[in-house]
């Protein structure tokens, strides 16, 4: 999946998509200047963050299921 395809799928600008990639918000890998984006990993990420995305919030790096040291 390309950055253009990802930005279209997320209905975001390419600039926002690059910011999210560089911040580690969207799961992807960078080799030199090329981003490797797995369609399956992005689909899982969208599913995990569907409530945040629907509300118009920027998800945090690591998604909603990030481990913390706080008790439940």
C-alpha atoms as a PDB file:
ATOM      1  CA  UNK A   1       0.000   0.000   0.000  1.00  0.00           C
ATOM      2  CA  UNK A   2       1.348   3.440  -0.883  1.00  0.00           C
ATOM      3  CA  UNK A   3       1.144   6.607   1.186  1.00  0.00           C
ATOM      4  CA  UNK A   4      -1.286   8.027  -1.396  1.00  0.00           C
ATOM      5  CA  UNK A   5      -3.528   4.959  -1.125  1.00  0.00           C
ATOM      6  CA  UNK A   6      -3.368   5.123   2.668  1.00  0.00           C
ATOM      7  CA  UNK A   7      -4.232   8.822   2.806  1.00  0.00           C
ATOM      8  CA  UNK A   8      -7.197   8.227   0.471  1.00  0.00           C
ATOM      9  CA  UNK A   9      -8.387   5.253   2.537  1.00  0.00           C
ATOM     10  CA  UNK A  10      -8.179   7.298   5.757  1.00  0.00           C
ATOM     11  CA  UNK A  11      -9.629  10.402   4.080  1.00  0.00           C
ATOM     12  CA  UNK A  12      -6.624  12.410   5.294  1.00  0.00           C
ATOM     13  CA  UNK A  13      -4.151  14.636   3.508  1.00  0.00           C
ATOM     14  CA  UNK A  14      -0.802  13.165   2.529  1.00  0.00           C
ATOM     15  CA  UNK A  15       0.803  15.639   4.944  1.00  0.00           C
ATOM     16  CA  UNK A  16      -1.249  14.288   7.866  1.00  0.00           C
ATOM     17  CA  UNK A  17      -0.582  10.722   6.773  1.00  0.00           C
ATOM     18  CA  UNK A  18       3.185  11.355   6.716  1.00  0.00           C
ATOM     19  CA  UNK A  19       3.007  12.972  10.171  1.00  0.00           C
ATOM     20  CA  UNK A  20       1.151   9.937  11.534  1.00  0.00           C
ATOM     21  CA  UNK A  21       3.667   7.568   9.919  1.00  0.00           C
ATOM     22  CA  UNK A  22       6.665   9.488  11.272  1.00  0.00           C
ATOM     23  CA  UNK A  23       5.115   9.667  14.763  1.00  0.00           C
ATOM     24  CA  UNK A  24       4.515   5.916  14.789  1.00  0.00           C
ATOM     25  CA  UNK A  25       0.741   6.306  14.999  1.00  0.00           C
ATOM     26  CA  UNK A  26       0.121   4.169  11.913  1.00  0.00           C
ATOM     27  CA  UNK A  27       1.911   0.805  11.804  1.00  0.00           C
ATOM     28  CA  UNK A  28       4.501   0.913   9.017  1.00  0.00           C
ATOM     29  CA  UNK A  29       8.199   0.493   8.376  1.00  0.00           C
ATOM     30  CA  UNK A  30      10.568   2.942   6.736  1.00  0.00           C
ATOM     31  CA  UNK A  31      13.527   1.869   4.638  1.00  0.00           C
ATOM     32  CA  UNK A  32      15.513   4.915   3.601  1.00  0.00           C
ATOM     33  CA  UNK A  33      12.830   7.176   2.097  1.00  0.00           C
ATOM     34  CA  UNK A  34      10.340   4.398   1.296  1.00  0.00           C
ATOM     35  CA  UNK A  35       7.430   3.524   3.580  1.00  0.00           C
ATOM     36  CA  UNK A  36       6.363  -0.134   3.727  1.00  0.00           C
ATOM     37  CA  UNK A  37       2.709  -0.205   4.708  1.00  0.00           C
ATOM     38  CA  UNK A  38       0.889  -3.503   5.253  1.00  0.00           C
ATOM     39  CA  UNK A  39      -2.782  -3.367   4.282  1.00  0.00           C
ATOM     40  CA  UNK A  40      -3.581  -6.015   6.937  1.00  0.00           C
ATOM     41  CA  UNK A  41      -1.758  -4.131   9.713  1.00  0.00           C
ATOM     42  CA  UNK A  42      -3.523  -0.903   8.769  1.00  0.00           C
ATOM     43  CA  UNK A  43      -6.893  -2.711   8.732  1.00  0.00           C
ATOM     44  CA  UNK A  44      -6.193  -4.053  12.243  1.00  0.00           C
ATOM     45  CA  UNK A  45      -5.091  -0.580  13.390  1.00  0.00           C
ATOM     46  CA  UNK A  46      -8.258   1.044  12.013  1.00  0.00           C
ATOM     47  CA  UNK A  47     -10.393  -1.573  13.770  1.00  0.00           C
ATOM     48  CA  UNK A  48      -8.580  -1.037  17.106  1.00  0.00           C
ATOM     49  CA  UNK A  49      -8.875   2.761  16.814  1.00  0.00           C
ATOM     50  CA  UNK A  50     -12.324   2.978  15.225  1.00  0.00           C
ATOM     51  CA  UNK A  51     -13.861   4.962  18.103  1.00  0.00           C
ATOM     52  CA  UNK A  52     -11.075   7.561  18.141  1.00  0.00           C
ATOM     53  CA  UNK A  53     -11.100   7.907  14.364  1.00  0.00           C
ATOM     54  CA  UNK A  54     -14.889   8.191  14.243  1.00  0.00           C
ATOM     55  CA  UNK A  55     -14.796  10.958  16.878  1.00  0.00           C
ATOM     56  CA  UNK A  56     -12.183  12.835  14.844  1.00  0.00           C
ATOM     57  CA  UNK A  57      -9.360  12.343  17.350  1.00  0.00           C
ATOM     58  CA  UNK A  58      -5.797  11.469  16.434  1.00  0.00           C
ATOM     59  CA  UNK A  59      -4.980   8.064  17.932  1.00  0.00           C
ATOM     60  CA  UNK A  60      -1.939   7.778  20.175  1.00  0.00           C
ATOM     61  CA  UNK A  61       1.114   5.811  19.024  1.00  0.00           C
ATOM     62  CA  UNK A  62       0.641   2.144  19.869  1.00  0.00           C
ATOM     63  CA  UNK A  63      -3.163   2.216  19.616  1.00  0.00           C
ATOM     64  CA  UNK A  64      -5.772   1.892  22.339  1.00  0.00           C
ATOM     65  CA  UNK A  65      -4.268  -1.331  23.671  1.00  0.00           C
ATOM     66  CA  UNK A  66      -0.919   0.063  24.698  1.00  0.00           C
ATOM     67  CA  UNK A  67       0.311  -1.460  27.960  1.00  0.00           C
ATOM     68  CA  UNK A  68       0.696   0.806  30.970  1.00  0.00           C
ATOM     69  CA  UNK A  69       1.746   0.306  34.567  1.00  0.00           C
ATOM     70  CA  UNK A  70      -1.558   1.646  35.870  1.00  0.00           C
ATOM     71  CA  UNK A  71      -3.986  -0.815  37.484  1.00  0.00           C
ATOM     72  CA  UNK A  72      -7.364  -1.345  35.772  1.00  0.00           C
END
